[in-house]
Amino acid sequence: MTYEEIVARAREILLAKDVSAFDGHLAVQIDITGEGAGAFYVELKDKQLFVEPYEYYDRDCKLVASAENLLKITEDKLDAVLAFTTGKLKVEGDIDKALEFQKIVKAPDKAKAAKTVKTEKSEKAAPKASSKKNASKKK
């Protein structure tokens, strides 16, 4: 994969995440090693996520991984903590902020979150079957 393809795929995956529950600011630079090498950043600001193909010098932390491992992490197919402990991911800077990034990766997609809210609202709005009717039929 080229650098542009990697950034586009990571952007697609991450921008689909529902970050409405996240407060505060998070700035993570991601350095891709090996094939498709380059840097991009992920920023959470005002409950919005941004993924841009630039270095971010005022970052909270920097993650360094191969494109393959990075995409597995963003797709939530590889746990970031496991990747870190096995040497597939390096973290520079604030480790707590790196863990916040993992929470974003594990957040539900916007489509799933909207569907869940819609289902919960329809369940609350639907009238419940009366137990009195069932009891009277048994007599």
Protein backbone atom coordinates (compact mmCIF):
# COMPACT_ATOMS: atom_id res chain seq x y z
CA MET A 1 0.00 0.00 0.00
CA THR A 2 1.11 3.54 -0.63
CA TYR A 3 1.24 6.19 2.06
CA GLU A 4 -1.83 7.89 0.59
CA GLU A 5 -3.81 4.61 0.62
CA ILE A 6 -2.84 3.94 4.25
CA VAL A 7 -3.90 7.41 5.39
CA ALA A 8 -7.16 7.17 3.40
CA ARG A 9 -7.99 3.77 4.94
CA ALA A 10 -7.15 4.93 8.48
CA ARG A 11 -9.25 8.08 7.93
CA GLU A 12 -12.20 6.00 6.69
CA ILE A 13 -12.06 3.68 9.70
CA LEU A 14 -11.52 6.37 12.34
CA LEU A 15 -14.00 8.94 11.03
CA ALA A 16 -16.71 6.27 11.20
CA LYS A 17 -16.27 6.12 14.99
CA ASP A 18 -18.78 7.75 17.32
CA VAL A 19 -16.67 10.13 19.42
CA SER A 20 -19.58 12.09 20.89
CA ALA A 21 -18.89 10.61 24.35
CA PHE A 22 -15.28 11.82 24.41
CA ASP A 23 -14.44 15.13 26.07
CA GLY A 24 -11.24 17.06 25.93
CA HIS A 25 -8.48 17.25 23.38
CA LEU A 26 -6.27 14.51 22.00
CA ALA A 27 -3.52 14.86 19.41
CA VAL A 28 -1.73 11.73 18.23
CA GLN A 29 0.89 11.57 15.51
CA ILE A 30 1.20 8.23 13.79
CA ASP A 31 4.45 7.31 12.10
CA ILE A 32 4.25 4.49 9.56
CA THR A 33 7.41 2.45 9.12
CA GLY A 34 8.43 0.26 6.20
CA GLU A 35 6.34 0.21 3.04
CA GLY A 36 4.22 3.35 2.74
CA ALA A 37 6.33 5.17 5.34
CA GLY A 38 5.19 8.60 6.44
CA ALA A 39 3.39 10.45 9.22
CA PHE A 40 -0.16 11.63 9.82
CA TYR A 41 -2.12 12.79 12.80
CA VAL A 42 -5.39 12.10 14.52
CA GLU A 43 -6.90 14.90 16.56
CA LEU A 44 -9.97 14.86 18.77
CA LYS A 45 -11.25 18.37 19.34
CA ASP A 46 -14.72 19.56 20.37
CA LYS A 47 -16.12 16.02 20.02
CA GLN A 48 -14.95 15.86 16.40
CA LEU A 49 -12.24 13.67 14.95
CA PHE A 50 -9.77 14.85 12.34
CA VAL A 51 -7.30 12.68 10.42
CA GLU A 52 -4.79 14.60 8.31
CA PRO A 53 -1.63 13.65 6.40
CA TYR A 54 0.74 15.93 8.29
CA GLU A 55 3.10 15.75 11.22
CA TYR A 56 1.72 17.21 14.45
CA TYR A 57 4.46 18.82 16.48
CA ASP A 58 2.31 19.83 19.47
CA ARG A 59 1.11 16.27 19.99
CA ASP A 60 0.26 14.39 23.16
CA CYS A 61 1.95 11.21 21.95
CA LYS A 62 3.38 9.52 18.90
CA LEU A 63 2.61 5.97 17.79
CA VAL A 64 5.08 4.15 15.55
CA ALA A 65 4.08 0.98 13.68
CA SER A 66 4.12 -0.71 10.31
CA ALA A 67 1.17 0.00 8.02
CA GLU A 68 -0.10 -3.56 8.49
CA ASN A 69 -0.08 -3.35 12.29
CA LEU A 70 -1.45 0.18 12.31
CA LEU A 71 -4.44 -0.79 10.18
CA LYS A 72 -5.07 -3.87 12.34
CA ILE A 73 -5.08 -1.60 15.40
CA THR A 74 -7.46 0.95 13.84
CA GLU A 75 -9.76 -1.88 12.65
CA ASP A 76 -9.68 -3.23 16.24
CA LYS A 77 -8.25 -6.54 15.01
CA LEU A 78 -5.06 -6.06 17.04
CA ASP A 79 -5.21 -4.73 20.59
CA ALA A 80 -2.93 -1.71 20.95
CA VAL A 81 -1.70 -2.79 24.40
CA LEU A 82 -0.82 -6.25 23.05
CA ALA A 83 0.90 -4.66 20.05
CA PHE A 84 2.89 -2.44 22.42
CA THR A 85 3.94 -5.30 24.69
CA THR A 86 5.00 -7.46 21.72
CA GLY A 87 7.00 -4.65 20.11
CA LYS A 88 4.66 -4.15 17.14
CA LEU A 89 3.78 -0.65 18.35
CA LYS A 90 6.04 1.97 19.91
CA VAL A 91 4.67 4.83 21.97
CA GLU A 92 6.49 8.10 22.57
CA GLY A 93 5.05 10.69 24.94
CA ASP A 94 2.01 10.41 27.19
CA ILE A 95 1.02 6.73 27.50
CA ASP A 96 -2.37 7.74 28.98
CA LYS A 97 -3.15 9.65 25.79
CA ALA A 98 -2.18 6.58 23.75
CA LEU A 99 -4.71 4.61 25.79
CA GLU A 100 -7.32 7.29 25.03
CA PHE A 101 -6.60 6.72 21.34
CA GLN A 102 -7.29 3.00 21.86
CA LYS A 103 -10.67 3.91 23.40
CA ILE A 104 -11.53 5.82 20.21
CA VAL A 105 -10.55 2.77 18.12
CA LYS A 106 -12.83 0.60 20.25
CA ALA A 107 -15.73 3.10 20.11
CA PRO A 108 -18.77 1.95 18.14
CA ASP A 109 -19.25 3.17 14.60
CA LYS A 110 -21.61 6.12 14.19
CA ALA A 111 -24.05 3.97 12.21
CA LYS A 112 -24.18 1.31 14.95
CA ALA A 113 -24.50 3.94 17.67
CA ALA A 114 -27.38 5.65 15.86
CA LYS A 115 -29.11 2.30 15.29
CA THR A 116 -28.76 1.42 18.99
CA VAL A 117 -30.26 4.75 20.07
CA LYS A 118 -33.09 4.36 17.54
CA THR A 119 -33.83 0.82 18.78
CA GLU A 120 -33.83 1.92 22.42
CA LYS A 121 -36.23 4.77 21.63
CA SER A 122 -38.61 2.48 19.73
CA GLU A 123 -38.56 -0.08 22.57
CA LYS A 124 -39.50 2.63 25.07
CA ALA A 125 -42.26 3.95 22.79
CA ALA A 126 -43.79 0.53 22.07
CA PRO A 127 -46.63 -0.33 24.46
CA LYS A 128 -46.00 -3.35 26.61
CA ALA A 129 -48.42 -6.28 26.46
CA SER A 130 -50.79 -6.23 29.38
CA SER A 131 -50.34 -9.11 31.79
CA LYS A 132 -54.02 -8.72 32.79
CA LYS A 133 -55.16 -9.86 29.32
CA ASN A 134 -53.06 -12.99 29.55
CA ALA A 135 -54.34 -13.73 33.07
CA SER A 136 -58.00 -13.34 32.03
CA LYS A 137 -57.54 -15.76 29.11
CA LYS A 138 -56.31 -18.51 31.45
CA LYS A 139 -59.54 -18.43 33.53
